[in-house]
C-alpha atoms as a PDB file:
ATOM      1  CA  MET A   1      71.841  97.004 122.281  1.00  0.00           C
ATOM      2  CA  ASN A   2      71.064  99.959 124.495  1.00  0.00           C
ATOM      3  CA  SER A   3      71.135 103.589 123.418  1.00  0.00           C
ATOM      4  CA  GLN A   4      73.776 104.489 126.024  1.00  0.00           C
ATOM      5  CA  LEU A   5      76.239 102.041 124.438  1.00  0.00           C
ATOM      6  CA  GLN A   6      75.343 103.398 120.982  1.00  0.00           C
ATOM      7  CA  ASP A   7      76.147 106.904 122.246  1.00  0.00           C
ATOM      8  CA  ILE A   8      79.488 105.791 123.745  1.00  0.00           C
ATOM      9  CA  VAL A   9      80.779 104.015 120.618  1.00  0.00           C
ATOM     10  CA  THR A  10      79.570 106.830 118.361  1.00  0.00           C
ATOM     11  CA  GLU A  11      81.321 109.405 120.537  1.00  0.00           C
ATOM     12  CA  CYS A  12      84.527 107.326 120.642  1.00  0.00           C
ATOM     13  CA  THR A  13      84.491 107.101 116.827  1.00  0.00           C
ATOM     14  CA  ARG A  14      83.877 110.816 116.348  1.00  0.00           C
ATOM     15  CA  ALA A  15      86.319 111.846 119.078  1.00  0.00           C
ATOM     16  CA  SER A  16      89.054 109.729 117.427  1.00  0.00           C
ATOM     17  CA  ASP A  17      88.267 111.167 114.006  1.00  0.00           C
ATOM     18  CA  GLU A  18      88.441 114.694 115.431  1.00  0.00           C
ATOM     19  CA  SER A  19      91.547 114.000 117.578  1.00  0.00           C
ATOM     20  CA  ARG A  20      89.648 114.835 120.775  1.00  0.00           C
ATOM     21  CA  MET A  21      90.448 111.469 122.395  1.00  0.00           C
ATOM     22  CA  SER A  22      93.696 109.509 122.355  1.00  0.00           C
ATOM     23  CA  PHE A  23      93.803 105.754 121.786  1.00  0.00           C
ATOM     24  CA  PRO A  24      94.284 105.041 125.526  1.00  0.00           C
ATOM     25  CA  GLU A  25      91.261 107.237 126.329  1.00  0.00           C
ATOM     26  CA  VAL A  26      89.139 105.458 123.718  1.00  0.00           C
ATOM     27  CA  VAL A  27      90.237 102.050 125.011  1.00  0.00           C
ATOM     28  CA  GLY A  28      89.388 103.046 128.584  1.00  0.00           C
ATOM     29  CA  ALA A  29      85.917 104.300 127.635  1.00  0.00           C
ATOM     30  CA  LEU A  30      85.154 101.211 125.559  1.00  0.00           C
ATOM     31  CA  MET A  31      86.378  98.812 128.244  1.00  0.00           C
ATOM     32  CA  LYS A  32      84.264 100.592 130.848  1.00  0.00           C
ATOM     33  CA  ALA A  33      81.252 100.189 128.530  1.00  0.00           C
ATOM     34  CA  GLY A  34      81.937  96.447 128.195  1.00  0.00           C
ATOM     35  CA  VAL A  35      83.114  96.402 124.571  1.00  0.00           C
ATOM     36  CA  GLU A  36      85.255  93.344 123.831  1.00  0.00           C
ATOM     37  CA  ARG A  37      86.778  94.365 120.487  1.00  0.00           C
ATOM     38  CA  TYR A  38      86.315  96.552 117.443  1.00  0.00           C
ATOM     39  CA  TYR A  39      87.012  96.261 113.755  1.00  0.00           C
ATOM     40  CA  THR A  40      88.001  99.248 111.620  1.00  0.00           C
ATOM     41  CA  ASP A  41      87.423  99.025 107.868  1.00  0.00           C
ATOM     42  CA  LEU A  42      89.583 101.780 106.398  1.00  0.00           C
ATOM     43  CA  ILE A  43      88.129 101.305 102.902  1.00  0.00           C
ATOM     44  CA  ARG A  44      84.466 101.556 103.982  1.00  0.00           C
ATOM     45  CA  SER A  45      85.207 104.167 106.679  1.00  0.00           C
ATOM     46  CA  GLU A  46      83.366 102.138 109.280  1.00  0.00           C
ATOM     47  CA  LYS A  47      83.967 100.723 112.742  1.00  0.00           C
ATOM     48  CA  ILE A  48      82.101  97.770 114.197  1.00  0.00           C
ATOM     49  CA  TYR A  49      82.106  97.393 117.973  1.00  0.00           C
ATOM     50  CA  TYR A  50      81.495  93.929 119.460  1.00  0.00           C
ATOM     51  CA  MET A  51      80.228  92.921 122.864  1.00  0.00           C
ATOM     52  CA  PRO A  52      81.203  89.565 124.437  1.00  0.00           C
ATOM     53  CA  ASP A  53      77.790  88.077 123.504  1.00  0.00           C
ATOM     54  CA  GLY A  54      78.334  88.927 119.807  1.00  0.00           C
ATOM     55  CA  ASP A  55      75.981  91.893 119.785  1.00  0.00           C
ATOM     56  CA  ASN A  56      77.500  94.663 117.685  1.00  0.00           C
ATOM     57  CA  ILE A  57      77.124  98.243 116.522  1.00  0.00           C
ATOM     58  CA  ALA A  58      78.430  99.674 113.232  1.00  0.00           C
ATOM     59  CA  VAL A  59      79.405 103.352 113.195  1.00  0.00           C
ATOM     60  CA  ALA A  60      80.389 105.439 110.167  1.00  0.00           C
ATOM     61  CA  ALA A  61      83.850 106.984 110.456  1.00  0.00           C
ATOM     62  CA  ARG A  62      85.549 109.886 108.711  1.00  0.00           C
ATOM     63  CA  PRO A  63      86.704 108.855 105.223  1.00  0.00           C
ATOM     64  CA  ILE A  64      90.477 108.722 104.861  1.00  0.00           C
ATOM     65  CA  GLY A  65      90.514 109.860 101.241  1.00  0.00           C
ATOM     66  CA  ILE A  66      93.320 107.734  99.804  1.00  0.00           C
ATOM     67  CA  GLU A  67      93.668 104.307  98.251  1.00  0.00           C
ATOM     68  CA  PRO A  68      95.751 101.807 100.206  1.00  0.00           C
ATOM     69  CA  ALA A  69      99.057 100.676  98.767  1.00  0.00           C
ATOM     70  CA  ASN A  70      99.052  97.263  97.119  1.00  0.00           C
ATOM     71  CA  GLU A  71     101.994  96.017  99.167  1.00  0.00           C
ATOM     72  CA  PHE A  72     101.866  95.754 102.961  1.00  0.00           C
ATOM     73  CA  ASP A  73     104.860  97.278 104.745  1.00  0.00           C
ATOM     74  CA  PRO A  74     104.820  96.337 108.451  1.00  0.00           C
ATOM     75  CA  ALA A  75     107.783  98.618 109.197  1.00  0.00           C
ATOM     76  CA  ASP A  76     105.848 101.623 107.894  1.00  0.00           C
ATOM     77  CA  VAL A  77     102.766 100.569 109.886  1.00  0.00           C
ATOM     78  CA  GLU A  78     104.913 100.355 112.999  1.00  0.00           C
ATOM     79  CA  ALA A  79     106.459 103.767 112.267  1.00  0.00           C
ATOM     80  CA  ALA A  80     102.952 105.295 112.075  1.00  0.00           C
ATOM     81  CA  ILE A  81     102.052 103.619 115.382  1.00  0.00           C
ATOM     82  CA  ARG A  82     105.142 105.104 117.045  1.00  0.00           C
ATOM     83  CA  ALA A  83     104.375 108.550 115.590  1.00  0.00           C
ATOM     84  CA  ILE A  84     100.815 108.611 116.945  1.00  0.00           C
ATOM     85  CA  GLN A  85     101.958 107.242 120.311  1.00  0.00           C
ATOM     86  CA  ALA A  86     104.448 110.133 120.474  1.00  0.00           C
ATOM     87  CA  LYS A  87     101.606 112.545 119.565  1.00  0.00           C
ATOM     88  CA  LYS A  88     103.474 113.656 116.439  1.00  0.00           C
ATOM     89  CA  ILE A  89     100.493 112.979 114.145  1.00  0.00           C
ATOM     90  CA  THR A  90      96.690 113.023 114.371  1.00  0.00           C
ATOM     91  CA  TYR A  91      94.512 109.939 114.117  1.00  0.00           C
ATOM     92  CA  HIS A  92      93.479 110.939 110.577  1.00  0.00           C
ATOM     93  CA  GLU A  93      97.140 111.229 109.531  1.00  0.00           C
ATOM     94  CA  PHE A  94      97.815 107.884 111.247  1.00  0.00           C
ATOM     95  CA  CYS A  95      95.112 106.266 109.097  1.00  0.00           C
ATOM     96  CA  ARG A  96      96.555 107.884 105.965  1.00  0.00           C
ATOM     97  CA  GLN A  97     100.026 106.569 106.826  1.00  0.00           C
ATOM     98  CA  ILE A  98      98.930 103.008 107.546  1.00  0.00           C
ATOM     99  CA  MET A  99      96.889 102.957 104.318  1.00  0.00           C
ATOM    100  CA  ALA A 100      99.962 104.211 102.450  1.00  0.00           C
ATOM    101  CA  ALA A 101     101.722 101.236 104.072  1.00  0.00           C
ATOM    102  CA  GLY A 102      99.120  98.864 102.603  1.00  0.00           C
ATOM    103  CA  CYS A 103      96.854  98.449 105.646  1.00  0.00           C
ATOM    104  CA  VAL A 104      93.168  98.033 104.745  1.00  0.00           C
ATOM    105  CA  ASN A 105      91.712  97.285 108.174  1.00  0.00           C
ATOM    106  CA  TYR A 106      92.631  96.671 111.754  1.00  0.00           C
ATOM    107  CA  ILE A 107      91.168  94.894 114.756  1.00  0.00           C
ATOM    108  CA  VAL A 108      91.575  96.086 118.319  1.00  0.00           C
ATOM    109  CA  SER A 109      91.100  93.393 120.951  1.00  0.00           C
ATOM    110  CA  LEU A 110      90.451  95.108 124.260  1.00  0.00           C
ATOM    111  CA  SER A 111      90.426  91.795 126.122  1.00  0.00           C
ATOM    112  CA  GLY A 112      93.579  90.641 124.284  1.00  0.00           C
ATOM    113  CA  ARG A 113      95.281  94.042 124.716  1.00  0.00           C
ATOM    114  CA  ARG A 114      96.513  94.197 121.125  1.00  0.00           C
ATOM    115  CA  ALA A 115      95.786  95.616 117.701  1.00  0.00           C
ATOM    116  CA  VAL A 116      96.219  93.630 114.501  1.00  0.00           C
ATOM    117  CA  TYR A 117      96.819  95.584 111.277  1.00  0.00           C
ATOM    118  CA  LEU A 118      95.976  93.732 108.059  1.00  0.00           C
ATOM    119  CA  GLY A 119      96.983  94.095 104.422  1.00  0.00           C
ATOM    120  CA  ARG A 120      95.067  93.204 101.277  1.00  0.00           C
ATOM    121  CA  THR A 121      96.319  89.628 101.118  1.00  0.00           C
ATOM    122  CA  GLY A 122      96.249  88.802 104.811  1.00  0.00           C
ATOM    123  CA  GLU A 123      99.639  90.113 105.893  1.00  0.00           C
ATOM    124  CA  ALA A 124      99.555  91.282 109.482  1.00  0.00           C
ATOM    125  CA  HIS A 125     101.371  93.357 112.040  1.00  0.00           C
ATOM    126  CA  VAL A 126     100.437  92.615 115.665  1.00  0.00           C
ATOM    127  CA  GLU A 127     100.948  95.474 118.087  1.00  0.00           C
ATOM    128  CA  PRO A 128     100.556  94.784 121.826  1.00  0.00           C
ATOM    129  CA  PHE A 129      99.153  97.648 123.863  1.00  0.00           C
ATOM    130  CA  PRO A 130     101.944  99.593 125.570  1.00  0.00           C
ATOM    131  CA  GLY A 131     102.863  97.780 128.769  1.00  0.00           C
ATOM    132  CA  ALA A 132     101.019  94.602 127.700  1.00  0.00           C
ATOM    133  CA  ASN A 133     104.123  92.546 126.897  1.00  0.00           C
END
C-alpha cells in the first residue's frame, strides 16, 4: 500500500468527520484513488478501505459517543440518509441518527454504487447511490 493512498483515505475519513467533504466528494476521491469499497464500524470508530486486490487500510474515525439501539429501524436509517443528502445534518449527526436507529456498521461499495446499513442481528437497508437505479 503506498503512502499516497494512505494519505487520501485518511483525509477522506477526517474530512467526513469534520464535515469538510460531502459523501459524493468522498466517493469521487476514493474512486479516483482506485478504492473498491469501504467498511465503517460505528462501534469501533474505524473505517477499512479495500482495493480490488484485497489490500486494505484501516483508519481511526471520530467516535460517535452513543450506544446503538437494539432494534434496527430501516425507516429511521432512510430518514437520516435523506436528511444528510438534503444537507440538513452533519456527518456526525448522521452517524448518531443511524446508530439510534440500530445501525452498527455500513459498507459502501463504490463499484456497486450502493451502501448497505446493518443492524446487530444482520438486518439491512440497501441504499443505491443517487442516480444509480
